Amino acid sequence: MKRICCIFIVLFTAHLSVAQRARELGITPGILTPGKYNAITDVTGVTVGHKTLINGDSVRTGVTVILPHGGNVFQEKVPAAVFVGNGFGKAVGFTQITELGNIETPIALTNTLSAFTAANGLVEYTLSNPENRNVRSVNPVVGETNDGYLNNIRGRYVQPEHVTEAIRAAQGGRVEEGNVGAGTGTRCLGFKGGIGTSSRVLPASRGGYTVGVLVQTNFGGILTINGAPVGEELNNYYMARDVPYVVDGSCMIIIATDAPLSARNLQRLARRSFLAFAKVGAFSSNGSGDYSIAFSTHEELRIDYSSRQAVNARPDLHNDRMSPLFLAVVEATEEAIINSLLAAEDMTGHDGKEVKSLSIDELLPVLDKYNARKR
């Protein structure tokens, strides 16, 4: 009972905080228009769920899940692809995505040493569905970052049931950001990191497709926002003189789109997200596991597990129509990373360690100095 009360109190306090998003501060990366919620859930059918674990002074971790649609994902797989920016990670299920070009479970994000437990949770969830009673192989998809600075990661507090709880909590609409789920104990570019999301909708003349991105940020570099050298101005950046700075970490980038893309073009889309990774000042340090997973929710592309058709005829967007989507994923990824920083709050964790969030009071003068926001 003590643990439950502690978790409730911390989450309730966070809910009452006044977190702001990039656009509320005049930070508007790119030229394209966000969707209604400016979130990955703007892609029809996509839902997101969190399970946040905060207890005592040592537990600062959790699980975030992304579901591509509301049905049985194993029975109705979706096309998908993975791009590895830097492979210092403990990803689960990625080789089969690369081999077959689809995903068959929700995507789970968590901490490094809990990736395997989260995979067990996805397997248990999939096998528990009565429609899957004859299934004997499941490819769970899990990404991770190392939250071991604020979280006692060796405790491996994430359990399979937490994955199920996150899945059951998944919903569309507004996505909670910052110190939640898999972003609870993360750090980003010298500040408190977390979960962030954003989206872009193409004009009708370019297909009208939506691209949504969700990130779990836990990496280092030299923070740059809309071209403004924020990290340098605030003297909090990699290789700054006499500044303690941990550059290693990781970043997970999850990309959803309703465009009819093959696994090949989904991988091309995933690859472009790393252009945004660089725009915010990241460079994939040696110990940073940086990955993108992209999937399409287009209904005509779903892969029926029970189908016995020898030949599949599915829509596939032409290569020369991909450029607007490439732009959309770069813009959405950049803004999602910024949102993860702005939504995060100061946190104290394991062994009394503390990570400060990016101060808006300090940020805005820097952005104004470099004309990096709309006023």
Protein backbone atom coordinates (compact mmCIF):
# COMPACT_ATOMS: atom_id res chain seq x y z
CA MET A 1 0.00 0.00 0.00
CA LYS A 2 2.84 2.37 0.77
CA ARG A 3 4.26 1.96 -2.74
CA ILE A 4 0.92 2.62 -4.43
CA CYS A 5 0.35 5.79 -2.41
CA CYS A 6 3.82 7.08 -3.20
CA ILE A 7 3.34 6.57 -6.92
CA PHE A 8 -0.05 8.29 -6.82
CA ILE A 9 1.24 11.33 -4.98
CA VAL A 10 4.17 11.90 -7.34
CA LEU A 11 2.04 11.47 -10.45
CA PHE A 12 -0.68 13.74 -9.05
CA THR A 13 1.87 16.46 -8.38
CA ALA A 14 3.28 16.14 -11.89
CA HIS A 15 -0.23 16.40 -13.33
CA LEU A 16 -0.73 19.75 -11.64
CA SER A 17 2.49 21.20 -13.04
CA VAL A 18 2.44 23.80 -15.80
CA ALA A 19 4.38 22.03 -18.53
CA GLN A 20 4.56 23.85 -21.84
CA ARG A 21 5.10 22.60 -25.34
CA ALA A 22 7.31 24.10 -28.03
CA ARG A 23 4.53 25.87 -29.93
CA GLU A 24 3.17 27.50 -26.80
CA LEU A 25 6.55 29.23 -26.54
CA GLY A 26 6.73 30.25 -30.20
CA ILE A 27 9.12 27.42 -31.15
CA THR A 28 7.81 26.17 -34.50
CA PRO A 29 10.33 23.97 -36.31
CA GLY A 30 9.75 23.67 -40.04
CA ILE A 31 7.01 24.75 -42.42
CA LEU A 32 4.44 21.97 -42.23
CA THR A 33 1.30 21.93 -40.09
CA PRO A 34 0.92 19.66 -37.03
CA GLY A 35 -2.14 17.49 -36.55
CA LYS A 36 -4.93 18.17 -34.06
CA TYR A 37 -2.97 16.93 -31.04
CA ASN A 38 0.51 17.46 -32.47
CA ALA A 39 1.22 13.87 -31.43
CA ILE A 40 1.82 10.42 -32.84
CA THR A 41 -1.85 9.74 -32.09
CA ASP A 42 -2.82 12.08 -34.93
CA VAL A 43 -2.20 9.02 -37.12
CA THR A 44 -5.60 7.33 -37.08
CA GLY A 45 -5.74 4.24 -34.89
CA VAL A 46 -2.47 4.81 -33.03
CA THR A 47 -2.68 4.82 -29.23
CA VAL A 48 -0.10 5.36 -26.50
CA GLY A 49 -0.02 4.11 -22.93
CA HIS A 50 2.33 4.71 -20.00
CA LYS A 51 3.09 2.93 -16.76
CA THR A 52 5.19 5.13 -14.49
CA LEU A 53 7.10 3.62 -11.57
CA ILE A 54 8.22 6.11 -8.91
CA ASN A 55 8.85 4.83 -5.42
CA GLY A 56 11.09 5.96 -2.57
CA ASP A 57 14.43 7.42 -3.63
CA SER A 58 15.51 4.65 -6.02
CA VAL A 59 12.72 3.80 -8.46
CA ARG A 60 12.49 6.20 -11.40
CA THR A 61 11.48 4.16 -14.43
CA GLY A 62 8.53 2.78 -16.39
CA VAL A 63 7.09 1.52 -19.65
CA THR A 64 5.62 3.30 -22.66
CA VAL A 65 3.73 1.34 -25.33
CA ILE A 66 2.67 2.33 -28.83
CA LEU A 67 -0.13 0.38 -30.51
CA PRO A 68 -0.51 0.73 -34.30
CA HIS A 69 -4.23 -0.09 -34.21
CA GLY A 70 -6.94 -1.19 -31.82
CA GLY A 71 -7.24 -4.76 -33.06
CA ASN A 72 -5.16 -7.89 -32.62
CA VAL A 73 -1.76 -6.78 -33.89
CA PHE A 74 -0.50 -10.35 -34.19
CA GLN A 75 -3.40 -11.35 -36.42
CA GLU A 76 -3.26 -8.08 -38.37
CA LYS A 77 0.40 -7.18 -38.62
CA VAL A 78 1.51 -3.84 -40.05
CA PRO A 79 4.46 -3.08 -42.34
CA ALA A 80 7.45 -1.73 -40.46
CA ALA A 81 11.17 -1.02 -40.66
CA VAL A 82 14.09 -0.26 -38.37
CA PHE A 83 17.03 2.07 -38.84
CA VAL A 84 20.05 1.81 -36.57
CA GLY A 85 21.80 5.13 -36.00
CA ASN A 86 24.24 3.67 -33.46
CA GLY A 87 23.82 0.11 -32.29
CA PHE A 88 24.85 0.44 -28.64
CA GLY A 89 21.52 -0.93 -27.42
CA LYS A 90 19.62 -3.96 -26.18
CA ALA A 91 16.80 -3.86 -28.71
CA VAL A 92 14.50 -6.88 -28.90
CA GLY A 93 12.83 -8.13 -32.08
CA PHE A 94 14.56 -5.84 -34.55
CA THR A 95 16.16 -8.52 -36.73
CA GLN A 96 12.79 -10.05 -37.59
CA ILE A 97 11.40 -6.64 -38.49
CA THR A 98 14.32 -6.20 -40.85
CA GLU A 99 13.86 -9.70 -42.30
CA LEU A 100 10.08 -9.75 -42.75
CA GLY A 101 9.19 -6.06 -42.85
CA ASN A 102 6.40 -6.07 -40.27
CA ILE A 103 5.59 -5.90 -36.56
CA GLU A 104 3.19 -8.23 -34.75
CA THR A 105 3.04 -6.80 -31.22
CA PRO A 106 2.72 -3.34 -29.72
CA ILE A 107 6.04 -1.51 -29.39
CA ALA A 108 7.30 -1.23 -25.81
CA LEU A 109 9.90 1.23 -24.54
CA THR A 110 11.59 0.87 -21.15
CA ASN A 111 15.01 0.90 -19.46
CA THR A 112 18.01 -1.15 -20.58
CA LEU A 113 17.92 -3.96 -18.03
CA SER A 114 14.13 -4.27 -18.25
CA ALA A 115 13.98 -4.73 -22.02
CA PHE A 116 13.83 -8.50 -21.60
CA THR A 117 11.11 -8.34 -18.95
CA ALA A 118 9.12 -6.00 -21.19
CA ALA A 119 9.51 -8.53 -24.01
CA ASN A 120 8.06 -11.20 -21.71
CA GLY A 121 5.16 -8.87 -21.02
CA LEU A 122 4.44 -8.45 -24.72
CA VAL A 123 4.60 -12.20 -25.27
CA GLU A 124 2.23 -12.87 -22.36
CA TYR A 125 -0.16 -10.21 -23.61
CA THR A 126 -0.16 -11.68 -27.13
CA LEU A 127 -0.61 -15.30 -26.00
CA SER A 128 -3.44 -14.33 -23.64
CA ASN A 129 -5.64 -13.29 -26.57
CA PRO A 130 -8.05 -16.16 -27.34
CA GLU A 131 -7.62 -15.55 -31.07
CA ASN A 132 -3.93 -16.44 -30.65
CA ARG A 133 -4.50 -19.75 -28.84
CA ASN A 134 -2.55 -21.71 -31.47
CA VAL A 135 0.36 -19.25 -31.73
CA ARG A 136 3.76 -20.77 -30.93
CA SER A 137 6.10 -17.92 -31.87
CA VAL A 138 5.89 -14.21 -31.08
CA ASN A 139 8.32 -11.44 -32.04
CA PRO A 140 8.04 -8.82 -29.26
CA VAL A 141 9.39 -5.39 -30.16
CA VAL A 142 11.17 -3.51 -27.38
CA GLY A 143 13.41 -0.44 -27.39
CA GLU A 144 15.30 0.94 -24.43
CA THR A 145 17.47 3.65 -23.00
CA ASN A 146 19.57 3.55 -19.84
CA ASP A 147 17.99 5.46 -16.94
CA GLY A 148 20.57 4.19 -14.44
CA TYR A 149 21.59 7.64 -13.19
CA LEU A 150 18.27 8.49 -11.55
CA ASN A 151 16.90 4.96 -11.36
CA ASN A 152 18.41 1.99 -9.51
CA ILE A 153 18.45 0.10 -12.78
CA ARG A 154 19.91 -3.04 -11.22
CA GLY A 155 16.68 -3.42 -9.28
CA ARG A 156 14.86 -4.29 -12.52
CA TYR A 157 11.56 -3.07 -11.16
CA VAL A 158 9.62 -3.30 -14.43
CA GLN A 159 7.50 -6.46 -14.48
CA PRO A 160 5.49 -8.11 -17.29
CA GLU A 161 2.23 -6.94 -15.74
CA HIS A 162 3.38 -3.33 -16.07
CA VAL A 163 3.47 -3.80 -19.84
CA THR A 164 -0.09 -5.10 -19.76
CA GLU A 165 -1.16 -2.14 -17.63
CA ALA A 166 0.42 0.29 -20.09
CA ILE A 167 -1.36 -1.43 -22.99
CA ARG A 168 -4.70 -1.27 -21.17
CA ALA A 169 -4.11 2.42 -20.44
CA ALA A 170 -3.32 3.20 -24.08
CA GLN A 171 -5.49 5.85 -25.69
CA GLY A 172 -5.61 8.28 -28.55
CA GLY A 173 -5.69 12.06 -28.37
CA ARG A 174 -3.34 13.98 -26.12
CA VAL A 175 -0.16 12.12 -25.14
CA GLU A 176 1.39 12.74 -21.73
CA GLU A 177 5.02 13.85 -22.08
CA GLY A 178 8.09 14.38 -19.95
CA ASN A 179 8.72 12.33 -16.79
CA VAL A 180 6.30 9.52 -17.61
CA GLY A 181 6.55 5.88 -18.63
CA ALA A 182 9.85 5.02 -20.26
CA GLY A 183 10.95 8.65 -19.93
CA THR A 184 10.63 8.82 -16.16
CA GLY A 185 14.33 8.60 -15.34
CA THR A 186 16.02 9.79 -18.53
CA ARG A 187 18.39 12.70 -19.27
CA CYS A 188 18.74 14.62 -22.52
CA LEU A 189 21.37 17.06 -23.78
CA GLY A 190 22.42 18.01 -20.25
CA PHE A 191 18.90 18.40 -18.89
CA LYS A 192 16.02 16.19 -17.77
CA GLY A 193 14.70 14.22 -20.75
CA GLY A 194 11.65 12.06 -21.18
CA ILE A 195 8.84 11.28 -23.59
CA GLY A 196 7.99 13.75 -26.36
CA THR A 197 5.77 13.66 -29.41
CA SER A 198 4.77 15.69 -32.46
CA SER A 199 3.14 15.28 -35.87
CA ARG A 200 2.85 16.78 -39.32
CA VAL A 201 0.01 16.65 -41.85
CA LEU A 202 0.83 17.02 -45.52
CA PRO A 203 -1.33 19.27 -47.69
CA ALA A 204 -3.93 17.48 -49.82
CA SER A 205 -1.88 18.21 -52.94
CA ARG A 206 0.93 16.10 -51.44
CA GLY A 207 -1.31 13.22 -50.40
CA GLY A 208 -2.74 14.58 -47.14
CA TYR A 209 -0.86 11.94 -45.17
CA THR A 210 0.01 12.25 -41.49
CA VAL A 211 3.38 11.47 -39.90
CA GLY A 212 3.55 11.17 -36.13
CA VAL A 213 6.64 10.72 -33.96
CA LEU A 214 7.18 9.72 -30.33
CA VAL A 215 10.64 9.85 -28.74
CA GLN A 216 12.28 8.54 -25.57
CA THR A 217 15.18 10.95 -25.08
CA ASN A 218 18.27 10.01 -23.10
CA PHE A 219 21.29 11.27 -25.03
CA GLY A 220 23.95 13.97 -25.00
CA GLY A 221 25.46 16.58 -27.27
CA ILE A 222 25.22 20.35 -27.60
CA LEU A 223 21.61 21.47 -27.33
CA THR A 224 20.45 23.53 -30.31
CA ILE A 225 16.89 24.80 -30.76
CA ASN A 226 15.85 26.39 -34.05
CA GLY A 227 19.51 27.12 -34.68
CA ALA A 228 20.11 28.81 -31.33
CA PRO A 229 23.14 27.39 -29.44
CA VAL A 230 21.20 26.90 -26.21
CA GLY A 231 23.65 24.47 -24.62
CA GLU A 232 26.60 26.78 -25.19
CA GLU A 233 24.76 29.86 -23.97
CA LEU A 234 23.71 28.07 -20.78
CA ASN A 235 27.18 26.52 -20.38
CA ASN A 236 25.76 23.00 -20.28
CA TYR A 237 27.13 20.95 -23.15
CA TYR A 238 29.51 18.15 -24.07
CA MET A 239 33.20 19.07 -23.69
CA ALA A 240 32.44 22.36 -21.96
CA ARG A 241 35.32 23.31 -19.70
CA ASP A 242 34.87 22.39 -16.02
CA VAL A 243 31.31 21.17 -16.59
CA PRO A 244 30.44 17.59 -15.55
CA TYR A 245 28.58 16.17 -18.52
CA VAL A 246 27.54 12.64 -19.50
CA VAL A 247 27.23 12.38 -23.26
CA ASP A 248 26.32 8.70 -23.55
CA GLY A 249 22.73 7.52 -23.34
CA SER A 250 20.33 6.54 -26.10
CA CYS A 251 17.32 7.67 -28.11
CA MET A 252 14.32 5.74 -29.36
CA ILE A 253 12.34 7.30 -32.21
CA ILE A 254 8.96 5.74 -33.07
CA ILE A 255 7.37 6.88 -36.35
CA ALA A 256 3.81 6.21 -37.48
CA THR A 257 2.20 7.19 -40.78
CA ASP A 258 -1.01 6.45 -42.64
CA ALA A 259 0.78 6.68 -45.98
CA PRO A 260 0.83 3.41 -47.98
CA LEU A 261 4.53 2.65 -47.57
CA SER A 262 6.38 -0.61 -48.10
CA ALA A 263 8.93 -1.76 -45.55
CA ARG A 264 11.63 -0.44 -47.87
CA ASN A 265 10.24 3.09 -47.93
CA LEU A 266 9.48 2.92 -44.22
CA GLN A 267 13.17 2.32 -43.64
CA ARG A 268 13.97 5.34 -45.80
CA LEU A 269 11.56 7.34 -43.64
CA ALA A 270 13.15 6.05 -40.44
CA ARG A 271 16.61 6.98 -41.71
CA ARG A 272 15.60 10.62 -42.25
CA SER A 273 14.58 11.04 -38.62
CA PHE A 274 18.27 11.16 -37.70
CA LEU A 275 18.64 14.42 -39.57
CA ALA A 276 16.47 15.91 -36.81
CA PHE A 277 18.56 14.13 -34.20
CA ALA A 278 21.51 16.15 -35.46
CA LYS A 279 19.52 19.40 -35.66
CA VAL A 280 18.99 19.42 -31.90
CA GLY A 281 22.72 18.94 -31.27
CA ALA A 282 23.08 15.16 -30.97
CA PHE A 283 25.83 13.21 -32.71
CA SER A 284 25.34 9.59 -31.51
CA SER A 285 28.21 9.24 -29.09
CA ASN A 286 30.01 5.92 -28.70
CA GLY A 287 27.72 4.69 -25.91
CA SER A 288 24.45 5.95 -27.32
CA GLY A 289 22.00 3.38 -28.69
CA ASP A 290 19.98 5.31 -31.24
CA TYR A 291 17.20 3.61 -33.20
CA SER A 292 14.16 4.49 -35.29
CA ILE A 293 11.15 2.23 -35.87
CA ALA A 294 8.67 3.26 -38.55
CA PHE A 295 5.34 1.61 -39.35
CA SER A 296 2.34 2.27 -41.58
CA THR A 297 -1.26 2.05 -40.40
CA HIS A 298 -2.73 2.05 -43.91
CA GLU A 299 -5.52 -0.54 -43.69
CA GLU A 300 -4.90 -2.07 -47.11
CA LEU A 301 -1.35 -2.90 -46.02
CA ARG A 302 -2.29 -4.99 -42.98
CA ILE A 303 -0.93 -8.51 -43.13
CA ASP A 304 -3.54 -11.12 -42.25
CA TYR A 305 -1.89 -13.89 -40.25
CA SER A 306 -4.45 -16.46 -41.43
CA SER A 307 -4.34 -15.50 -45.10
CA ARG A 308 -3.37 -18.22 -47.54
CA GLN A 309 -2.99 -15.98 -50.58
CA ALA A 310 0.12 -16.81 -52.56
CA VAL A 311 0.46 -13.30 -54.00
CA ASN A 312 -0.25 -10.01 -52.25
CA ALA A 313 -1.37 -6.95 -54.18
CA ARG A 314 -1.08 -3.84 -52.01
CA PRO A 315 -0.77 -0.09 -52.62
CA ASP A 316 2.75 1.27 -52.52
CA LEU A 317 3.53 4.98 -52.71
CA HIS A 318 5.92 5.85 -55.52
CA ASN A 319 9.46 6.77 -54.57
CA ASP A 320 9.10 10.22 -56.12
CA ARG A 321 6.22 10.99 -53.72
CA MET A 322 8.35 10.35 -50.62
CA SER A 323 10.07 13.72 -50.25
CA PRO A 324 7.18 15.47 -48.44
CA LEU A 325 7.10 12.59 -45.95
CA PHE A 326 10.84 12.89 -45.43
CA LEU A 327 10.39 16.57 -44.56
CA ALA A 328 7.49 15.74 -42.26
CA VAL A 329 9.44 13.17 -40.25
CA VAL A 330 12.41 15.50 -39.79
CA GLU A 331 10.19 18.31 -38.52
CA ALA A 332 8.11 16.07 -36.24
CA THR A 333 11.15 14.36 -34.75
CA GLU A 334 12.85 17.66 -34.01
CA GLU A 335 9.78 19.06 -32.29
CA ALA A 336 9.13 15.83 -30.38
CA ILE A 337 12.64 15.99 -28.89
CA ILE A 338 12.15 19.62 -27.90
CA ASN A 339 8.78 18.78 -26.35
CA SER A 340 10.38 16.02 -24.29
CA LEU A 341 12.73 18.60 -22.77
CA LEU A 342 10.08 21.24 -22.14
CA ALA A 343 7.64 18.80 -20.53
CA ALA A 344 10.24 17.28 -18.22
CA GLU A 345 10.59 18.45 -14.63
CA ASP A 346 13.43 18.46 -12.11
CA MET A 347 13.94 15.02 -10.62
CA THR A 348 15.91 13.61 -7.71
CA GLY A 349 16.55 9.90 -7.71
CA HIS A 350 18.91 7.07 -6.81
CA ASP A 351 21.64 8.01 -4.29
CA GLY A 352 20.25 11.54 -4.12
CA LYS A 353 21.29 12.37 -7.66
CA GLU A 354 19.42 15.23 -9.26
CA VAL A 355 18.82 16.31 -12.84
CA LYS A 356 17.46 19.77 -13.56
CA SER A 357 14.98 20.41 -16.33
CA LEU A 358 15.55 22.98 -19.04
CA SER A 359 14.54 26.30 -17.47
CA ILE A 360 12.10 28.20 -19.64
CA ASP A 361 13.13 31.44 -17.94
CA GLU A 362 16.71 30.84 -19.07
CA LEU A 363 15.76 29.42 -22.46
CA LEU A 364 13.59 32.22 -23.82
CA PRO A 365 16.22 34.99 -23.68
CA VAL A 366 18.62 32.74 -25.61
CA LEU A 367 16.02 32.02 -28.27
CA ASP A 368 15.17 35.70 -28.56
CA LYS A 369 18.83 36.62 -28.85
CA TYR A 370 19.07 34.43 -31.95
CA ASN A 371 15.56 35.16 -33.28
CA ALA A 372 14.73 31.49 -32.86
CA ARG A 373 11.07 31.76 -31.92
CA LYS A 374 7.92 33.57 -32.94
CA ARG A 375 6.74 36.28 -30.53
